[in-house]
Amino acid sequence: MDGGKTFSPPQMITTDTNALIGSACNTIPGGVVVDDRTQTAYALWLSGNDVESNGQTGCNYSQIGPFNKAWVSTGVPSAVPGIYTWTSHLAWVGDIDVVHKTGDNADKIFATIALDQKGQVHVVLPVRHKDDPLGFVLDCESDPNCKEHPQQTDLLLVTSPDGGAHWTPPVTIDGRSGSHFFPWAAAGSAGRVAVVEYRSSTLRPNDPASVWYITFLSVRRAVATADANGAHYLKSPRVSAVDLDPGPAHIGGICSFGIFCSVVPNADRSLADSIAVAIDPAGGANAVWTENASGDNEIRFACQNSGPSFYAKAPDLSGCYQGG
């Protein structure tokens, strides 16, 4: 409020009773976005399935999960400067087998949040289906040859057209066979979302033979509405994908179990989670990511130099944005 000189006191943003119970421990932050027009803030996080599972898997000392819930808290400015009034909403819930602790697991870090110019909130989630993370980690504690069950990890999108109150059913924006990790999203005009991710054809993301590429996704028509039946898209979102580099970004597994990676044979946490995408003033996408497949451990960058802008009224791009 004054250029960083003064800060408000910390605030609890988890308000809904179910969110409080489900988020007591085993949570993963997913980012914050602010609507410049209204100063409304949106904060995203993942939570574990239930109190029992949260306790069994270390309660924030690990990222084992499964994390089958995504929450968004909507913060509205109050009459007191710097103080917000928060309301929590369940944005996504995945399938879960509460007996065997298996199901949809979105901890293939991180979930990501974006706000388009219409005020729609978009959440992108990397979800491994029928995942058994606790069973895998327990197996690895006694078996040096342990292997994950081969399962698909999809990239899912959910959208709220009304400030987080209602959310669309999830749509798969990258369901190519394999694993899709570390998404990051940015949005332009209504329903236009840019996403970057690491993807691999492997169904075992901790396999040391896995090969990962940096992929860019352009999502269009992700425009939603809310009615008596809840939120839904007016048309099916349209997605196009392209690899930003023909060479691999990473060779080896990607372990997302936090400190429990220490019990997973050949666990690989070497790929820094420095991945992001932003929309420039011309509506071009700009991506940054980590590359360590070559052994150089580099931060790499790519800018969109052609094709449609992410801003509806802008012309097609003819070169990267130069500024000035």
Protein backbone atom coordinates (compact mmCIF):
# COMPACT_ATOMS: atom_id res chain seq x y z
CA MET A 1 0.00 0.00 0.00
CA ASP A 2 3.01 2.32 0.36
CA GLY A 3 5.65 0.74 -1.85
CA GLY A 4 6.73 -1.90 0.64
CA LYS A 5 7.34 0.42 3.61
CA THR A 6 4.43 -0.89 5.64
CA PHE A 7 2.81 -4.33 5.62
CA SER A 8 -0.50 -5.52 7.00
CA PRO A 9 -0.57 -8.25 9.67
CA PRO A 10 -0.77 -11.87 8.42
CA GLN A 11 -4.26 -13.14 7.78
CA MET A 12 -5.83 -16.59 7.81
CA ILE A 13 -7.30 -17.12 4.36
CA THR A 14 -8.78 -20.59 4.99
CA THR A 15 -12.38 -19.97 6.07
CA ASP A 16 -14.68 -22.76 4.92
CA THR A 17 -15.12 -25.50 7.57
CA ASN A 18 -14.24 -28.26 5.10
CA ALA A 19 -11.20 -26.31 3.93
CA LEU A 20 -10.04 -25.87 7.53
CA ILE A 21 -10.33 -29.59 8.26
CA GLY A 22 -8.80 -30.68 4.97
CA SER A 23 -5.99 -28.11 5.13
CA ALA A 24 -4.86 -28.57 8.73
CA CYS A 25 -1.65 -30.08 7.35
CA ASN A 26 -0.29 -31.53 4.12
CA THR A 27 -0.88 -28.50 1.91
CA ILE A 28 0.99 -27.19 -1.12
CA PRO A 29 0.72 -23.49 -2.11
CA GLY A 30 -0.19 -22.78 -5.72
CA GLY A 31 0.17 -19.03 -6.10
CA VAL A 32 -1.74 -15.76 -5.81
CA VAL A 33 -3.26 -13.48 -8.47
CA VAL A 34 -4.90 -10.06 -8.03
CA ASP A 35 -7.56 -8.41 -10.19
CA ASP A 36 -6.18 -4.90 -10.75
CA ARG A 37 -9.66 -3.54 -11.49
CA THR A 38 -11.28 -4.60 -8.22
CA GLN A 39 -8.22 -5.40 -6.05
CA THR A 40 -9.77 -8.83 -5.42
CA ALA A 41 -7.12 -11.44 -4.60
CA TYR A 42 -7.24 -15.18 -5.30
CA ALA A 43 -4.99 -17.68 -3.48
CA LEU A 44 -4.64 -21.32 -4.56
CA TRP A 45 -3.47 -24.35 -2.59
CA LEU A 46 -3.72 -28.15 -2.66
CA SER A 47 -4.72 -30.28 0.31
CA GLY A 48 -4.51 -33.94 1.26
CA ASN A 49 -7.45 -36.28 1.33
CA ASP A 50 -8.27 -36.58 5.02
CA VAL A 51 -6.90 -36.13 8.54
CA GLU A 52 -5.77 -39.77 8.82
CA SER A 53 -3.89 -39.72 5.52
CA ASN A 54 -2.34 -36.35 6.33
CA GLY A 55 -0.97 -37.68 9.62
CA GLN A 56 0.37 -40.88 8.05
CA THR A 57 2.34 -38.99 5.42
CA GLY A 58 4.17 -36.54 7.64
CA CYS A 59 1.86 -33.53 7.91
CA ASN A 60 3.75 -31.00 5.78
CA TYR A 61 7.09 -32.78 6.21
CA SER A 62 6.49 -34.57 2.92
CA GLN A 63 4.51 -34.20 -0.25
CA ILE A 64 3.37 -37.80 -0.46
CA GLY A 65 -0.38 -37.27 -0.57
CA PRO A 66 -2.52 -38.07 -2.43
CA PHE A 67 -3.43 -34.41 -2.83
CA ASN A 68 -6.86 -34.68 -4.40
CA LYS A 69 -8.31 -31.25 -3.60
CA ALA A 70 -7.59 -27.77 -4.92
CA TRP A 71 -8.88 -24.77 -2.98
CA VAL A 72 -9.12 -21.11 -3.94
CA SER A 73 -9.73 -18.38 -1.37
CA THR A 74 -11.20 -15.13 -2.68
CA GLY A 75 -10.06 -12.02 -0.81
CA VAL A 76 -12.10 -8.81 -1.02
CA PRO A 77 -10.66 -5.53 0.35
CA SER A 78 -12.30 -4.36 3.57
CA ALA A 79 -12.74 -0.83 4.89
CA VAL A 80 -9.42 -1.23 6.72
CA PRO A 81 -6.46 -0.68 4.37
CA GLY A 82 -4.48 -3.87 3.81
CA ILE A 83 -7.09 -6.12 5.41
CA TYR A 84 -9.08 -8.52 3.23
CA THR A 85 -12.21 -10.57 3.83
CA TRP A 86 -11.62 -14.14 2.64
CA THR A 87 -13.96 -16.88 1.44
CA SER A 88 -12.70 -20.38 0.57
CA HIS A 89 -14.03 -22.46 -2.32
CA LEU A 90 -13.32 -26.01 -3.48
CA ALA A 91 -12.13 -25.60 -7.07
CA TRP A 92 -11.43 -29.25 -7.86
CA VAL A 93 -11.75 -32.62 -6.16
CA GLY A 94 -10.35 -35.82 -7.62
CA ASP A 95 -11.32 -39.44 -7.23
CA ILE A 96 -9.98 -41.17 -4.13
CA ASP A 97 -10.09 -44.63 -2.53
CA VAL A 98 -10.07 -43.72 1.16
CA VAL A 99 -9.40 -47.32 2.20
CA HIS A 100 -6.32 -47.93 0.07
CA LYS A 101 -5.20 -44.25 -0.10
CA THR A 102 -4.99 -44.27 -3.88
CA GLY A 103 -6.51 -41.97 -6.45
CA ASP A 104 -6.05 -38.65 -8.24
CA ASN A 105 -2.90 -36.93 -6.98
CA ALA A 106 -2.16 -33.34 -7.99
CA ASP A 107 1.15 -32.96 -6.16
CA LYS A 108 3.21 -33.21 -9.35
CA ILE A 109 4.10 -29.72 -8.35
CA PHE A 110 2.81 -27.20 -8.66
CA ALA A 111 -0.81 -26.32 -9.34
CA THR A 112 -0.97 -22.86 -10.94
CA ILE A 113 -3.50 -20.02 -11.10
CA ALA A 114 -4.16 -17.28 -13.69
CA LEU A 115 -6.67 -14.45 -14.13
CA ASP A 116 -7.88 -13.33 -17.55
CA GLN A 117 -9.06 -9.84 -18.54
CA LYS A 118 -12.70 -10.80 -18.09
CA GLY A 119 -12.01 -11.63 -14.45
CA GLN A 120 -12.23 -15.38 -14.89
CA VAL A 121 -10.00 -17.45 -12.62
CA HIS A 122 -8.22 -20.43 -14.21
CA VAL A 123 -6.46 -23.24 -12.32
CA VAL A 124 -4.19 -25.80 -14.03
CA LEU A 125 -3.42 -29.06 -12.22
CA PRO A 126 -0.97 -31.92 -12.93
CA VAL A 127 -3.00 -34.97 -11.83
CA ARG A 128 -1.62 -38.51 -11.66
CA HIS A 129 -4.53 -40.96 -11.78
CA LYS A 130 -4.87 -44.07 -9.60
CA ASP A 131 -1.71 -42.98 -7.83
CA ASP A 132 -0.43 -44.90 -4.80
CA PRO A 133 2.28 -42.59 -3.43
CA LEU A 134 2.20 -43.91 0.13
CA GLY A 135 2.42 -47.52 -1.04
CA PHE A 136 5.33 -46.67 -3.34
CA VAL A 137 7.31 -44.90 -0.61
CA LEU A 138 6.68 -47.69 1.91
CA ASP A 139 7.77 -50.26 -0.66
CA CYS A 140 10.96 -48.31 -1.34
CA GLU A 141 11.89 -48.35 2.34
CA SER A 142 12.49 -52.11 2.12
CA ASP A 143 12.98 -52.83 -1.59
CA PRO A 144 15.88 -51.12 -3.42
CA ASN A 145 14.31 -52.20 -6.73
CA CYS A 146 10.90 -50.62 -6.04
CA LYS A 147 9.00 -49.19 -9.00
CA GLU A 148 5.89 -47.07 -9.31
CA HIS A 149 2.85 -48.60 -10.94
CA PRO A 150 2.65 -47.14 -14.46
CA GLN A 151 -0.11 -44.52 -14.42
CA GLN A 152 -1.07 -41.53 -16.54
CA THR A 153 -0.52 -37.94 -15.36
CA ASP A 154 -2.83 -35.47 -17.14
CA LEU A 155 -2.86 -31.69 -17.18
CA LEU A 156 -6.32 -30.47 -16.14
CA LEU A 157 -8.00 -27.05 -16.35
CA VAL A 158 -10.86 -25.70 -14.23
CA THR A 159 -12.33 -22.20 -14.54
CA SER A 160 -14.47 -19.96 -12.35
CA PRO A 161 -16.54 -17.25 -14.08
CA ASP A 162 -17.83 -15.70 -10.83
CA GLY A 163 -14.95 -14.90 -8.53
CA GLY A 164 -14.27 -18.43 -7.34
CA ALA A 165 -17.81 -19.24 -6.20
CA HIS A 166 -18.42 -21.89 -8.87
CA TRP A 167 -16.00 -23.99 -10.93
CA THR A 168 -16.31 -25.89 -14.18
CA PRO A 169 -15.77 -29.64 -14.29
CA PRO A 170 -12.13 -30.32 -15.23
CA VAL A 171 -11.10 -30.58 -18.87
CA THR A 172 -7.89 -32.28 -19.97
CA ILE A 173 -5.64 -29.83 -21.82
CA ASP A 174 -2.72 -32.24 -22.22
CA GLY A 175 -3.63 -35.90 -22.08
CA ARG A 176 -0.93 -37.30 -24.33
CA SER A 177 0.29 -40.59 -22.92
CA GLY A 178 2.88 -40.04 -20.21
CA SER A 179 3.53 -37.56 -17.42
CA HIS A 180 2.92 -33.80 -17.31
CA PHE A 181 4.64 -31.93 -14.46
CA PHE A 182 5.38 -28.42 -13.15
CA PRO A 183 2.73 -26.39 -15.05
CA TRP A 184 2.68 -22.60 -15.00
CA ALA A 185 -0.14 -20.49 -16.46
CA ALA A 186 -0.80 -16.91 -17.54
CA ALA A 187 -3.94 -15.47 -19.15
CA GLY A 188 -4.81 -12.73 -21.61
CA SER A 189 -8.26 -11.93 -22.99
CA ALA A 190 -11.31 -13.91 -21.93
CA GLY A 191 -10.64 -17.64 -22.18
CA ARG A 192 -7.10 -17.32 -23.54
CA VAL A 193 -4.58 -19.12 -21.33
CA ALA A 194 -0.87 -19.81 -21.90
CA VAL A 195 0.66 -22.82 -20.12
CA VAL A 196 4.16 -24.28 -19.95
CA GLU A 197 5.00 -27.72 -18.58
CA TYR A 198 7.58 -30.48 -18.53
CA ARG A 199 6.28 -33.59 -20.28
CA SER A 200 7.59 -37.12 -20.73
CA SER A 201 6.28 -40.27 -22.36
CA THR A 202 7.08 -42.16 -19.16
CA LEU A 203 4.30 -43.53 -16.95
CA ARG A 204 6.82 -43.88 -14.11
CA PRO A 205 8.01 -40.32 -13.37
CA ASN A 206 10.71 -41.53 -10.93
CA ASP A 207 12.28 -43.81 -13.55
CA PRO A 208 15.91 -42.68 -14.09
CA ALA A 209 15.50 -43.41 -17.81
CA SER A 210 12.73 -40.80 -18.20
CA VAL A 211 13.27 -38.03 -20.76
CA TRP A 212 11.47 -34.69 -20.26
CA TYR A 213 10.75 -31.88 -22.74
CA ILE A 214 9.55 -28.31 -22.26
CA THR A 215 6.11 -27.87 -23.84
CA PHE A 216 3.95 -24.80 -24.45
CA LEU A 217 0.15 -25.02 -24.58
CA SER A 218 -2.13 -22.37 -26.05
CA VAL A 219 -5.66 -22.65 -24.65
CA ARG A 220 -8.50 -20.77 -26.36
CA ARG A 221 -12.28 -20.58 -25.75
CA ALA A 222 -11.97 -21.31 -22.00
CA VAL A 223 -14.94 -19.02 -21.38
CA ALA A 224 -17.33 -20.19 -18.68
CA THR A 225 -20.69 -19.21 -17.24
CA ALA A 226 -22.56 -20.11 -14.07
CA ASP A 227 -26.25 -20.98 -13.82
CA ALA A 228 -28.55 -23.12 -11.69
CA ASN A 229 -26.57 -26.21 -12.73
CA GLY A 230 -23.21 -24.74 -11.72
CA ALA A 231 -20.35 -23.53 -13.89
CA HIS A 232 -19.64 -24.84 -17.37
CA TYR A 233 -17.77 -23.81 -20.51
CA LEU A 234 -19.78 -22.16 -23.29
CA LYS A 235 -17.71 -24.12 -25.82
CA SER A 236 -15.11 -26.82 -25.40
CA PRO A 237 -11.70 -25.19 -24.86
CA ARG A 238 -9.37 -25.56 -27.82
CA VAL A 239 -5.73 -26.46 -27.19
CA SER A 240 -2.61 -26.47 -29.34
CA ALA A 241 0.80 -27.66 -28.14
CA VAL A 242 4.40 -27.19 -29.25
CA ASP A 243 7.76 -28.14 -27.74
CA LEU A 244 9.85 -25.02 -27.10
CA ASP A 245 13.13 -26.89 -27.55
CA PRO A 246 13.70 -30.02 -29.67
CA GLY A 247 16.21 -31.29 -27.14
CA PRO A 248 15.32 -32.65 -23.71
CA ALA A 249 15.20 -30.36 -20.69
CA HIS A 250 15.88 -33.15 -18.20
CA ILE A 251 16.90 -36.81 -18.27
CA GLY A 252 15.99 -38.83 -15.20
CA GLY A 253 13.15 -39.00 -12.75
CA ILE A 254 11.36 -36.09 -11.10
CA CYS A 255 10.67 -36.83 -7.44
CA SER A 256 7.90 -34.78 -5.82
CA PHE A 257 7.74 -36.41 -2.37
CA GLY A 258 9.73 -33.78 -0.50
CA ILE A 259 12.03 -35.21 2.18
CA PHE A 260 10.68 -38.71 1.49
CA CYS A 261 12.60 -38.64 -1.79
CA SER A 262 15.52 -39.79 0.36
CA VAL A 263 14.01 -43.30 0.57
CA VAL A 264 13.28 -43.57 -3.17
CA PRO A 265 16.15 -45.29 -5.03
CA ASN A 266 17.65 -43.05 -7.72
CA ALA A 267 15.34 -40.20 -6.64
CA ASP A 268 16.10 -37.13 -8.73
CA ARG A 269 15.44 -33.61 -7.41
CA SER A 270 18.10 -31.96 -9.58
CA LEU A 271 15.68 -30.11 -11.87
CA ALA A 272 15.00 -26.75 -10.22
CA ASP A 273 11.34 -25.81 -10.32
CA SER A 274 12.15 -22.52 -12.06
CA ILE A 275 9.49 -22.53 -14.73
CA ALA A 276 7.12 -19.69 -15.64
CA VAL A 277 5.20 -18.01 -18.45
CA ALA A 278 4.05 -14.41 -18.84
CA ILE A 279 2.07 -12.43 -21.43
CA ASP A 280 3.82 -9.32 -22.81
CA PRO A 281 2.05 -6.05 -23.84
CA ALA A 282 1.63 -7.31 -27.42
CA GLY A 283 -0.05 -10.48 -26.21
CA GLY A 284 2.89 -12.77 -26.86
CA ALA A 285 3.80 -15.60 -24.51
CA ASN A 286 7.23 -15.58 -22.88
CA ALA A 287 8.49 -18.73 -21.17
CA VAL A 288 11.42 -19.50 -18.90
CA TRP A 289 12.53 -22.94 -17.68
CA THR A 290 15.41 -24.96 -16.28
CA GLU A 291 17.50 -27.20 -18.53
CA ASN A 292 19.98 -29.68 -17.08
CA ALA A 293 19.93 -32.49 -19.65
CA SER A 294 23.05 -31.10 -21.34
CA GLY A 295 24.94 -30.90 -18.06
CA ASP A 296 25.17 -27.09 -18.23
CA ASN A 297 22.38 -26.39 -15.69
CA GLU A 298 20.93 -23.43 -17.56
CA ILE A 299 17.90 -21.16 -17.27
CA ARG A 300 16.46 -20.87 -20.78
CA PHE A 301 13.98 -18.44 -22.35
CA ALA A 302 11.70 -18.41 -25.38
CA CYS A 303 9.37 -15.72 -26.70
CA GLN A 304 6.42 -16.05 -29.07
CA ASN A 305 7.31 -14.42 -32.39
CA SER A 306 4.34 -15.35 -34.57
CA GLY A 307 0.74 -16.46 -34.48
CA PRO A 308 -2.33 -15.07 -32.72
CA SER A 309 -1.95 -12.74 -29.77
CA PHE A 310 -3.36 -13.69 -26.38
CA TYR A 311 -5.18 -10.33 -26.51
CA ALA A 312 -8.30 -10.53 -28.68
CA LYS A 313 -8.03 -7.04 -30.23
CA ALA A 314 -4.30 -7.19 -30.94
CA PRO A 315 -2.90 -8.12 -34.37
CA ASP A 316 -1.06 -11.36 -35.02
CA LEU A 317 2.51 -11.31 -33.81
CA SER A 318 5.45 -10.68 -36.14
CA GLY A 319 8.49 -11.01 -33.92
CA CYS A 320 9.16 -11.02 -30.21
CA TYR A 321 8.07 -7.98 -28.23
CA GLN A 322 10.81 -5.34 -28.15
CA GLY A 323 9.37 -2.82 -25.69
CA GLY A 324 10.35 0.82 -25.85
